[in-house]
Amino acid sequence: MSHISSLCNFYCARKGSGKTYDIGNQVEQLIDGNKTSQVYIFSSTAEIDPSWKRIIKMIKKADIPYEIYDGIYSRDMDERGREYKVNNLRNVLEDLLPKKEEKKGGSREKPPEEEYRFDPIRNVWIFRNSLVLPGNSFTPSIQGGVKQKKEKPKAVSPLFIFDDLSKRELRGVDLYNFIKKSRHYGQNGGVCYVYISSQFPLDISPEIWSNIDRLNIFRSFPDDYLKKIHSKTQLSIPYDDFIKQYKEKTAEQFSKMEIDMRKDEIL
């Protein structure tokens, strides 16, 4: 199985259905499995919703860095009292990607070749014909001599949650561009986890629908909304079977139907 560098989840649920609490359960699993390295929350209710207070408490207890924004965009004031727009998501992403080190002026002269050499027979580094060091523990330094190998960089697995945002923000180009490129933010073997939640299936753009990996539909949706959801998923599952399984899986309060969009199957 090939490495998955991003996983996008969409929660479609009516207000009070338990979607935020369920997202909290998913966050708890990621934390317990050491699968996330930092958390970014974009939610208008993160500071007041009891379910969000539970999530933030878990993140704090695990000592995981996190940031909270009341939306993808916000307003701020400059020194002259003029209001301007802040793109919170774009700022986060610019800081998240590793920066390329700037090349400093000047050039370094390489040390003479006789400063060090590698003996493949004995698997050792010989420095100035006298000092011998294990070949599997050291590499030559451009300044001469030897230096210890660098440790393998830690996996970067950011978690992004978009909850209780306006339709304008959810259908905005910034969110779509991020979803489309989210695989780049799971680095060094890490995974970028994304959770988007909304009350209505048409709140997100068709472009985002095409990039969803997991769809979670909660109970209480009427048939006309279910038809729209089934159409958006483009599943090979017939609509009648889709409706039947939805009613069975959402019979109890706070229950949901989960769909693996990549495997084209209801879980």
C-alpha atoms as a PDB file:
ATOM      1  CA  MET A   1       0.000   0.000   0.000  1.00  0.00           C
ATOM      2  CA  SER A   2       1.418   3.392  -0.968  1.00  0.00           C
ATOM      3  CA  HIS A   3       1.974   6.087   1.610  1.00  0.00           C
ATOM      4  CA  ILE A   4      -0.971   8.436   2.159  1.00  0.00           C
ATOM      5  CA  SER A   5       0.279  11.984   2.697  1.00  0.00           C
ATOM      6  CA  SER A   6      -3.128  13.606   3.244  1.00  0.00           C
ATOM      7  CA  LEU A   7      -6.615  12.600   4.386  1.00  0.00           C
ATOM      8  CA  CYS A   8      -9.581  14.929   3.880  1.00  0.00           C
ATOM      9  CA  ASN A   9     -12.783  14.311   5.868  1.00  0.00           C
ATOM     10  CA  PHE A  10     -16.098  16.077   5.281  1.00  0.00           C
ATOM     11  CA  TYR A  11     -18.783  16.091   7.981  1.00  0.00           C
ATOM     12  CA  CYS A  12     -22.248  16.954   6.724  1.00  0.00           C
ATOM     13  CA  ALA A  13     -24.701  17.269   9.610  1.00  0.00           C
ATOM     14  CA  ARG A  14     -27.516  19.374  10.977  1.00  0.00           C
ATOM     15  CA  LYS A  15     -26.959  21.567  14.014  1.00  0.00           C
ATOM     16  CA  GLY A  16     -26.978  19.598  17.274  1.00  0.00           C
ATOM     17  CA  SER A  17     -26.322  16.280  15.542  1.00  0.00           C
ATOM     18  CA  GLY A  18     -23.064  15.638  17.388  1.00  0.00           C
ATOM     19  CA  LYS A  19     -20.629  16.260  14.520  1.00  0.00           C
ATOM     20  CA  THR A  20     -18.225  18.388  16.580  1.00  0.00           C
ATOM     21  CA  TYR A  21     -18.210  15.785  19.349  1.00  0.00           C
ATOM     22  CA  ASP A  22     -17.471  13.086  16.766  1.00  0.00           C
ATOM     23  CA  ILE A  23     -14.611  15.163  15.348  1.00  0.00           C
ATOM     24  CA  GLY A  24     -13.315  15.344  18.915  1.00  0.00           C
ATOM     25  CA  ASN A  25     -13.275  11.537  19.039  1.00  0.00           C
ATOM     26  CA  GLN A  26     -11.222  11.494  15.846  1.00  0.00           C
ATOM     27  CA  VAL A  27      -8.787  14.040  17.287  1.00  0.00           C
ATOM     28  CA  GLU A  28      -8.463  11.913  20.423  1.00  0.00           C
ATOM     29  CA  GLN A  29      -7.505   8.882  18.318  1.00  0.00           C
ATOM     30  CA  LEU A  30      -4.883  10.884  16.426  1.00  0.00           C
ATOM     31  CA  ILE A  31      -3.409  12.179  19.690  1.00  0.00           C
ATOM     32  CA  ASP A  32      -3.377   8.747  21.336  1.00  0.00           C
ATOM     33  CA  GLY A  33      -1.640   7.296  18.290  1.00  0.00           C
ATOM     34  CA  ASN A  34       0.925  10.135  18.135  1.00  0.00           C
ATOM     35  CA  LYS A  35      -0.274  10.845  14.594  1.00  0.00           C
ATOM     36  CA  THR A  36      -0.425  14.633  14.730  1.00  0.00           C
ATOM     37  CA  SER A  37       2.323  17.141  15.472  1.00  0.00           C
ATOM     38  CA  GLN A  38       0.361  20.417  15.471  1.00  0.00           C
ATOM     39  CA  VAL A  39      -3.270  21.540  15.233  1.00  0.00           C
ATOM     40  CA  TYR A  40      -4.861  24.479  13.400  1.00  0.00           C
ATOM     41  CA  ILE A  41      -8.494  25.272  14.209  1.00  0.00           C
ATOM     42  CA  PHE A  42     -10.669  27.562  12.093  1.00  0.00           C
ATOM     43  CA  SER A  43     -14.015  27.872  13.850  1.00  0.00           C
ATOM     44  CA  SER A  44     -16.386  30.645  14.872  1.00  0.00           C
ATOM     45  CA  THR A  45     -17.499  28.676  17.959  1.00  0.00           C
ATOM     46  CA  ALA A  46     -14.218  27.185  19.216  1.00  0.00           C
ATOM     47  CA  GLU A  47     -14.125  29.523  22.212  1.00  0.00           C
ATOM     48  CA  ILE A  48     -17.695  28.885  23.388  1.00  0.00           C
ATOM     49  CA  ASP A  49     -18.864  25.420  22.284  1.00  0.00           C
ATOM     50  CA  PRO A  50     -18.558  22.768  25.087  1.00  0.00           C
ATOM     51  CA  SER A  51     -17.512  20.162  22.512  1.00  0.00           C
ATOM     52  CA  TRP A  52     -14.687  22.430  21.416  1.00  0.00           C
ATOM     53  CA  LYS A  53     -13.591  23.020  24.999  1.00  0.00           C
ATOM     54  CA  ARG A  54     -13.222  19.238  25.325  1.00  0.00           C
ATOM     55  CA  ILE A  55     -11.090  19.068  22.165  1.00  0.00           C
ATOM     56  CA  ILE A  56      -8.833  21.935  23.208  1.00  0.00           C
ATOM     57  CA  LYS A  57      -8.398  20.374  26.653  1.00  0.00           C
ATOM     58  CA  MET A  58      -7.184  17.139  25.013  1.00  0.00           C
ATOM     59  CA  ILE A  59      -4.736  19.024  22.815  1.00  0.00           C
ATOM     60  CA  LYS A  60      -3.331  20.972  25.767  1.00  0.00           C
ATOM     61  CA  LYS A  61      -2.972  17.824  27.872  1.00  0.00           C
ATOM     62  CA  ALA A  62      -0.988  16.166  25.068  1.00  0.00           C
ATOM     63  CA  ASP A  63       1.238  19.267  24.890  1.00  0.00           C
ATOM     64  CA  ILE A  64       0.666  19.629  21.149  1.00  0.00           C
ATOM     65  CA  PRO A  65       1.132  23.112  19.625  1.00  0.00           C
ATOM     66  CA  TYR A  66      -2.148  24.584  18.392  1.00  0.00           C
ATOM     67  CA  GLU A  67      -3.601  27.779  16.957  1.00  0.00           C
ATOM     68  CA  ILE A  68      -7.226  28.945  16.905  1.00  0.00           C
ATOM     69  CA  TYR A  69      -8.777  31.356  14.390  1.00  0.00           C
ATOM     70  CA  ASP A  70     -12.405  32.453  14.231  1.00  0.00           C
ATOM     71  CA  GLY A  71     -12.352  32.036  10.455  1.00  0.00           C
ATOM     72  CA  ILE A  72     -10.241  31.552   7.366  1.00  0.00           C
ATOM     73  CA  TYR A  73     -10.352  35.337   7.022  1.00  0.00           C
ATOM     74  CA  SER A  74     -10.510  38.040   9.672  1.00  0.00           C
ATOM     75  CA  ARG A  75     -10.268  41.822   9.963  1.00  0.00           C
ATOM     76  CA  ASP A  76      -7.562  43.826  11.710  1.00  0.00           C
ATOM     77  CA  MET A  77      -6.549  47.476  12.144  1.00  0.00           C
ATOM     78  CA  ASP A  78      -3.283  49.049  11.103  1.00  0.00           C
ATOM     79  CA  GLU A  79      -1.397  51.789  12.988  1.00  0.00           C
ATOM     80  CA  ARG A  80      -3.560  54.492  11.388  1.00  0.00           C
ATOM     81  CA  GLY A  81      -6.804  52.818  12.371  1.00  0.00           C
ATOM     82  CA  ARG A  82      -7.542  51.548   8.885  1.00  0.00           C
ATOM     83  CA  GLU A  83      -9.204  48.147   8.638  1.00  0.00           C
ATOM     84  CA  TYR A  84      -7.688  45.466   6.429  1.00  0.00           C
ATOM     85  CA  LYS A  85      -8.341  41.826   5.607  1.00  0.00           C
ATOM     86  CA  VAL A  86      -6.170  39.041   7.066  1.00  0.00           C
ATOM     87  CA  ASN A  87      -5.911  35.669   5.344  1.00  0.00           C
ATOM     88  CA  ASN A  88      -5.308  33.410   8.344  1.00  0.00           C
ATOM     89  CA  LEU A  89      -5.115  30.172   6.358  1.00  0.00           C
ATOM     90  CA  ARG A  90      -2.578  31.526   3.912  1.00  0.00           C
ATOM     91  CA  ASN A  91      -0.403  32.855   6.739  1.00  0.00           C
ATOM     92  CA  VAL A  92      -0.457  29.474   8.484  1.00  0.00           C
ATOM     93  CA  LEU A  93       0.502  27.617   5.318  1.00  0.00           C
ATOM     94  CA  GLU A  94       3.375  29.983   4.554  1.00  0.00           C
ATOM     95  CA  ASP A  95       4.830  29.314   7.996  1.00  0.00           C
ATOM     96  CA  LEU A  96       4.236  25.563   7.804  1.00  0.00           C
ATOM     97  CA  LEU A  97       6.262  24.784   4.687  1.00  0.00           C
ATOM     98  CA  PRO A  98      10.018  24.580   5.322  1.00  0.00           C
ATOM     99  CA  LYS A  99      11.963  27.595   4.135  1.00  0.00           C
ATOM    100  CA  LYS A 100      14.913  27.136   1.821  1.00  0.00           C
ATOM    101  CA  GLU A 101      18.130  28.355   3.370  1.00  0.00           C
ATOM    102  CA  GLU A 102      19.517  31.441   1.690  1.00  0.00           C
ATOM    103  CA  LYS A 103      22.924  31.039   0.158  1.00  0.00           C
ATOM    104  CA  LYS A 104      25.480  33.245   1.813  1.00  0.00           C
ATOM    105  CA  GLY A 105      28.030  35.161  -0.228  1.00  0.00           C
ATOM    106  CA  GLY A 106      31.533  33.906  -0.736  1.00  0.00           C
ATOM    107  CA  SER A 107      32.742  30.375  -1.278  1.00  0.00           C
ATOM    108  CA  ARG A 108      34.297  27.794   0.961  1.00  0.00           C
ATOM    109  CA  GLU A 109      37.445  26.055  -0.064  1.00  0.00           C
ATOM    110  CA  LYS A 110      37.246  22.302   0.118  1.00  0.00           C
ATOM    111  CA  PRO A 111      39.876  20.658   2.308  1.00  0.00           C
ATOM    112  CA  PRO A 112      42.640  18.716   0.619  1.00  0.00           C
ATOM    113  CA  GLU A 113      41.621  15.217  -0.343  1.00  0.00           C
ATOM    114  CA  GLU A 114      44.362  13.743   1.861  1.00  0.00           C
ATOM    115  CA  GLU A 115      42.625  15.230   4.969  1.00  0.00           C
ATOM    116  CA  TYR A 116      40.313  12.235   5.090  1.00  0.00           C
ATOM    117  CA  ARG A 117      39.610   9.108   3.130  1.00  0.00           C
ATOM    118  CA  PHE A 118      37.263   6.164   3.368  1.00  0.00           C
ATOM    119  CA  ASP A 119      38.533   2.594   3.623  1.00  0.00           C
ATOM    120  CA  PRO A 120      35.728   0.396   2.190  1.00  0.00           C
ATOM    121  CA  ILE A 121      37.448  -2.839   3.223  1.00  0.00           C
ATOM    122  CA  ARG A 122      37.484  -1.967   6.921  1.00  0.00           C
ATOM    123  CA  ASN A 123      34.400   0.347   6.620  1.00  0.00           C
ATOM    124  CA  VAL A 124      36.129   3.215   8.466  1.00  0.00           C
ATOM    125  CA  TRP A 125      37.085   6.850   7.916  1.00  0.00           C
ATOM    126  CA  ILE A 126      40.777   7.619   8.212  1.00  0.00           C
ATOM    127  CA  PHE A 127      41.559  11.217   9.129  1.00  0.00           C
ATOM    128  CA  ARG A 128      45.076  12.574   8.429  1.00  0.00           C
ATOM    129  CA  ASN A 129      46.351   9.023   8.213  1.00  0.00           C
ATOM    130  CA  SER A 130      45.934   8.450  11.930  1.00  0.00           C
ATOM    131  CA  LEU A 131      42.405   8.843  13.374  1.00  0.00           C
ATOM    132  CA  VAL A 132      40.060   5.976  12.540  1.00  0.00           C
ATOM    133  CA  LEU A 133      36.267   6.270  12.972  1.00  0.00           C
ATOM    134  CA  PRO A 134      33.443   3.821  12.158  1.00  0.00           C
ATOM    135  CA  GLY A 135      32.140   4.268   8.628  1.00  0.00           C
ATOM    136  CA  ASN A 136      28.505   3.711   9.593  1.00  0.00           C
ATOM    137  CA  SER A 137      28.515   6.459  12.239  1.00  0.00           C
ATOM    138  CA  PHE A 138      30.316   9.329  10.568  1.00  0.00           C
ATOM    139  CA  THR A 139      30.537  11.229   7.291  1.00  0.00           C
ATOM    140  CA  PRO A 140      33.308  13.595   6.130  1.00  0.00           C
ATOM    141  CA  SER A 141      32.859  17.322   6.781  1.00  0.00           C
ATOM    142  CA  ILE A 142      33.595  19.873   4.053  1.00  0.00           C
ATOM    143  CA  GLN A 143      35.670  21.689   6.655  1.00  0.00           C
ATOM    144  CA  GLY A 144      37.929  18.684   7.083  1.00  0.00           C
ATOM    145  CA  GLY A 145      37.887  15.833   9.506  1.00  0.00           C
ATOM    146  CA  VAL A 146      34.635  14.054  10.300  1.00  0.00           C
ATOM    147  CA  LYS A 147      31.259  14.879  11.751  1.00  0.00           C
ATOM    148  CA  GLN A 148      28.422  12.834  13.159  1.00  0.00           C
ATOM    149  CA  LYS A 149      25.513  12.047  10.848  1.00  0.00           C
ATOM    150  CA  LYS A 150      22.407  14.190  11.179  1.00  0.00           C
ATOM    151  CA  GLU A 151      19.385  12.664  12.852  1.00  0.00           C
ATOM    152  CA  LYS A 152      16.435  11.771  10.657  1.00  0.00           C
ATOM    153  CA  PRO A 153      13.974  14.701  10.634  1.00  0.00           C
ATOM    154  CA  LYS A 154      10.778  14.171  12.603  1.00  0.00           C
ATOM    155  CA  ALA A 155       7.532  13.559  10.775  1.00  0.00           C
ATOM    156  CA  VAL A 156       5.311  16.612  10.306  1.00  0.00           C
ATOM    157  CA  SER A 157       1.604  15.693  10.560  1.00  0.00           C
ATOM    158  CA  PRO A 158      -0.522  18.838  10.841  1.00  0.00           C
ATOM    159  CA  LEU A 159      -4.225  18.645  11.669  1.00  0.00           C
ATOM    160  CA  PHE A 160      -6.573  21.253  10.170  1.00  0.00           C
ATOM    161  CA  ILE A 161     -10.190  21.613  11.350  1.00  0.00           C
ATOM    162  CA  PHE A 162     -12.731  23.899   9.637  1.00  0.00           C
ATOM    163  CA  ASP A 163     -15.974  24.057  11.632  1.00  0.00           C
ATOM    164  CA  ASP A 164     -18.959  26.419  11.752  1.00  0.00           C
ATOM    165  CA  LEU A 165     -17.663  28.670   8.992  1.00  0.00           C
ATOM    166  CA  SER A 166     -19.659  30.718   6.513  1.00  0.00           C
ATOM    167  CA  LYS A 167     -20.560  29.372   3.081  1.00  0.00           C
ATOM    168  CA  ARG A 168     -18.438  32.123   1.542  1.00  0.00           C
ATOM    169  CA  GLU A 169     -15.352  30.869   3.374  1.00  0.00           C
ATOM    170  CA  LEU A 170     -16.045  27.196   2.636  1.00  0.00           C
ATOM    171  CA  ARG A 171     -16.490  27.880  -1.071  1.00  0.00           C
ATOM    172  CA  GLY A 172     -13.543  30.260  -1.247  1.00  0.00           C
ATOM    173  CA  VAL A 173     -10.564  29.629  -3.478  1.00  0.00           C
ATOM    174  CA  ASP A 174      -8.119  29.575  -0.547  1.00  0.00           C
ATOM    175  CA  LEU A 175      -9.714  26.522   1.053  1.00  0.00           C
ATOM    176  CA  TYR A 176      -9.930  24.716  -2.276  1.00  0.00           C
ATOM    177  CA  ASN A 177      -6.275  25.452  -3.107  1.00  0.00           C
ATOM    178  CA  PHE A 178      -5.241  24.147   0.303  1.00  0.00           C
ATOM    179  CA  ILE A 179      -7.253  20.933  -0.044  1.00  0.00           C
ATOM    180  CA  LYS A 180      -5.827  20.344  -3.495  1.00  0.00           C
ATOM    181  CA  LYS A 181      -2.248  20.739  -2.219  1.00  0.00           C
ATOM    182  CA  SER A 182      -2.722  19.309   1.283  1.00  0.00           C
ATOM    183  CA  ARG A 183      -0.501  16.298   0.516  1.00  0.00           C
ATOM    184  CA  HIS A 184       2.505  18.652   0.523  1.00  0.00           C
ATOM    185  CA  TYR A 185       2.008  19.524   4.180  1.00  0.00           C
ATOM    186  CA  GLY A 186       2.493  15.975   5.417  1.00  0.00           C
ATOM    187  CA  GLN A 187       6.294  15.886   5.510  1.00  0.00           C
ATOM    188  CA  ASN A 188       9.030  13.391   6.393  1.00  0.00           C
ATOM    189  CA  GLY A 189       6.562  10.505   6.300  1.00  0.00           C
ATOM    190  CA  GLY A 190       3.816  12.458   8.074  1.00  0.00           C
ATOM    191  CA  VAL A 191       0.165  12.894   7.055  1.00  0.00           C
ATOM    192  CA  CYS A 192      -1.855  16.102   6.734  1.00  0.00           C
ATOM    193  CA  TYR A 193      -5.282  15.506   8.313  1.00  0.00           C
ATOM    194  CA  VAL A 194      -8.190  17.755   7.321  1.00  0.00           C
ATOM    195  CA  TYR A 195     -11.689  17.908   8.847  1.00  0.00           C
ATOM    196  CA  ILE A 196     -14.363  20.117   7.277  1.00  0.00           C
ATOM    197  CA  SER A 197     -17.875  20.310   8.716  1.00  0.00           C
ATOM    198  CA  SER A 198     -21.016  22.042   7.522  1.00  0.00           C
ATOM    199  CA  GLN A 199     -24.768  21.755   7.824  1.00  0.00           C
ATOM    200  CA  PHE A 200     -25.465  21.580   4.101  1.00  0.00           C
ATOM    201  CA  PRO A 201     -23.869  19.539   1.271  1.00  0.00           C
ATOM    202  CA  LEU A 202     -23.745  22.491  -1.125  1.00  0.00           C
ATOM    203  CA  ASP A 203     -21.762  24.674   1.288  1.00  0.00           C
ATOM    204  CA  ILE A 204     -18.525  23.336  -0.163  1.00  0.00           C
ATOM    205  CA  SER A 205     -17.522  23.743  -3.793  1.00  0.00           C
ATOM    206  CA  PRO A 206     -17.593  20.935  -6.399  1.00  0.00           C
ATOM    207  CA  GLU A 207     -13.791  21.115  -6.496  1.00  0.00           C
ATOM    208  CA  ILE A 208     -13.580  20.240  -2.794  1.00  0.00           C
ATOM    209  CA  TRP A 209     -16.118  17.439  -3.233  1.00  0.00           C
ATOM    210  CA  SER A 210     -13.780  15.853  -5.774  1.00  0.00           C
ATOM    211  CA  ASN A 211     -10.937  15.848  -3.207  1.00  0.00           C
ATOM    212  CA  ILE A 212     -12.810  14.324  -0.246  1.00  0.00           C
ATOM    213  CA  ASP A 213     -11.452  11.018   1.071  1.00  0.00           C
ATOM    214  CA  ARG A 214     -14.046  10.330   3.800  1.00  0.00           C
ATOM    215  CA  LEU A 215     -17.648  11.538   3.957  1.00  0.00           C
ATOM    216  CA  ASN A 216     -19.617  11.459   7.214  1.00  0.00           C
ATOM    217  CA  ILE A 217     -23.392  12.005   6.962  1.00  0.00           C
ATOM    218  CA  PHE A 218     -25.408  12.278  10.152  1.00  0.00           C
ATOM    219  CA  ARG A 219     -29.095  11.593  10.680  1.00  0.00           C
ATOM    220  CA  SER A 220     -32.149  13.791  10.041  1.00  0.00           C
ATOM    221  CA  PHE A 221     -31.499  14.697   6.402  1.00  0.00           C
ATOM    222  CA  PRO A 222     -34.628  14.693   4.203  1.00  0.00           C
ATOM    223  CA  ASP A 223     -34.726  12.858   0.881  1.00  0.00           C
ATOM    224  CA  ASP A 224     -34.074  15.944  -1.252  1.00  0.00           C
ATOM    225  CA  TYR A 225     -30.763  16.591   0.551  1.00  0.00           C
ATOM    226  CA  LEU A 226     -29.799  12.933   0.365  1.00  0.00           C
ATOM    227  CA  LYS A 227     -30.312  13.010  -3.395  1.00  0.00           C
ATOM    228  CA  LYS A 228     -27.911  15.957  -3.641  1.00  0.00           C
ATOM    229  CA  ILE A 229     -25.353  14.189  -1.459  1.00  0.00           C
ATOM    230  CA  HIS A 230     -25.589  10.966  -3.476  1.00  0.00           C
ATOM    231  CA  SER A 231     -25.156  12.957  -6.685  1.00  0.00           C
ATOM    232  CA  LYS A 232     -22.094  14.769  -5.321  1.00  0.00           C
ATOM    233  CA  THR A 233     -20.401  11.561  -4.189  1.00  0.00           C
ATOM    234  CA  GLN A 234     -20.649  10.001  -7.660  1.00  0.00           C
ATOM    235  CA  LEU A 235     -20.741   6.604  -5.974  1.00  0.00           C
ATOM    236  CA  SER A 236     -21.419   3.474  -7.964  1.00  0.00           C
ATOM    237  CA  ILE A 237     -23.866   2.439  -5.209  1.00  0.00           C
ATOM    238  CA  PRO A 238     -27.475   2.757  -6.461  1.00  0.00           C
ATOM    239  CA  TYR A 239     -29.531   5.506  -4.840  1.00  0.00           C
ATOM    240  CA  ASP A 240     -32.093   3.110  -3.341  1.00  0.00           C
ATOM    241  CA  ASP A 241     -29.353   1.098  -1.645  1.00  0.00           C
ATOM    242  CA  PHE A 242     -27.718   4.341  -0.517  1.00  0.00           C
ATOM    243  CA  ILE A 243     -30.981   5.480   1.145  1.00  0.00           C
ATOM    244  CA  LYS A 244     -31.556   2.084   2.753  1.00  0.00           C
ATOM    245  CA  GLN A 245     -28.108   1.987   4.338  1.00  0.00           C
ATOM    246  CA  TYR A 246     -28.382   5.609   5.446  1.00  0.00           C
ATOM    247  CA  LYS A 247     -31.600   4.938   7.343  1.00  0.00           C
ATOM    248  CA  GLU A 248     -30.144   1.803   8.941  1.00  0.00           C
ATOM    249  CA  LYS A 249     -26.879   3.421  10.031  1.00  0.00           C
ATOM    250  CA  THR A 250     -28.497   6.635  11.310  1.00  0.00           C
ATOM    251  CA  ALA A 251     -31.429   5.084  13.148  1.00  0.00           C
ATOM    252  CA  GLU A 252     -30.101   6.119  16.551  1.00  0.00           C
ATOM    253  CA  GLN A 253     -29.496   9.648  17.798  1.00  0.00           C
ATOM    254  CA  PHE A 254     -26.033  11.093  17.000  1.00  0.00           C
ATOM    255  CA  SER A 255     -25.343   8.204  14.590  1.00  0.00           C
ATOM    256  CA  LYS A 256     -23.783   8.612  11.134  1.00  0.00           C
ATOM    257  CA  MET A 257     -23.016   6.888   7.854  1.00  0.00           C
ATOM    258  CA  GLU A 258     -19.357   6.929   6.821  1.00  0.00           C
ATOM    259  CA  ILE A 259     -18.308   6.604   3.184  1.00  0.00           C
ATOM    260  CA  ASP A 260     -14.827   5.911   1.839  1.00  0.00           C
ATOM    261  CA  MET A 261     -14.875   8.022  -1.311  1.00  0.00           C
ATOM    262  CA  ARG A 262     -11.620   6.581  -2.669  1.00  0.00           C
ATOM    263  CA  LYS A 263     -12.697   2.972  -2.315  1.00  0.00           C
ATOM    264  CA  ASP A 264     -16.243   3.770  -3.385  1.00  0.00           C
ATOM    265  CA  GLU A 265     -17.844   1.988  -0.450  1.00  0.00           C
ATOM    266  CA  ILE A 266     -20.000   2.589   2.624  1.00  0.00           C
ATOM    267  CA  LEU A 267     -18.164   1.619   5.820  1.00  0.00           C
END
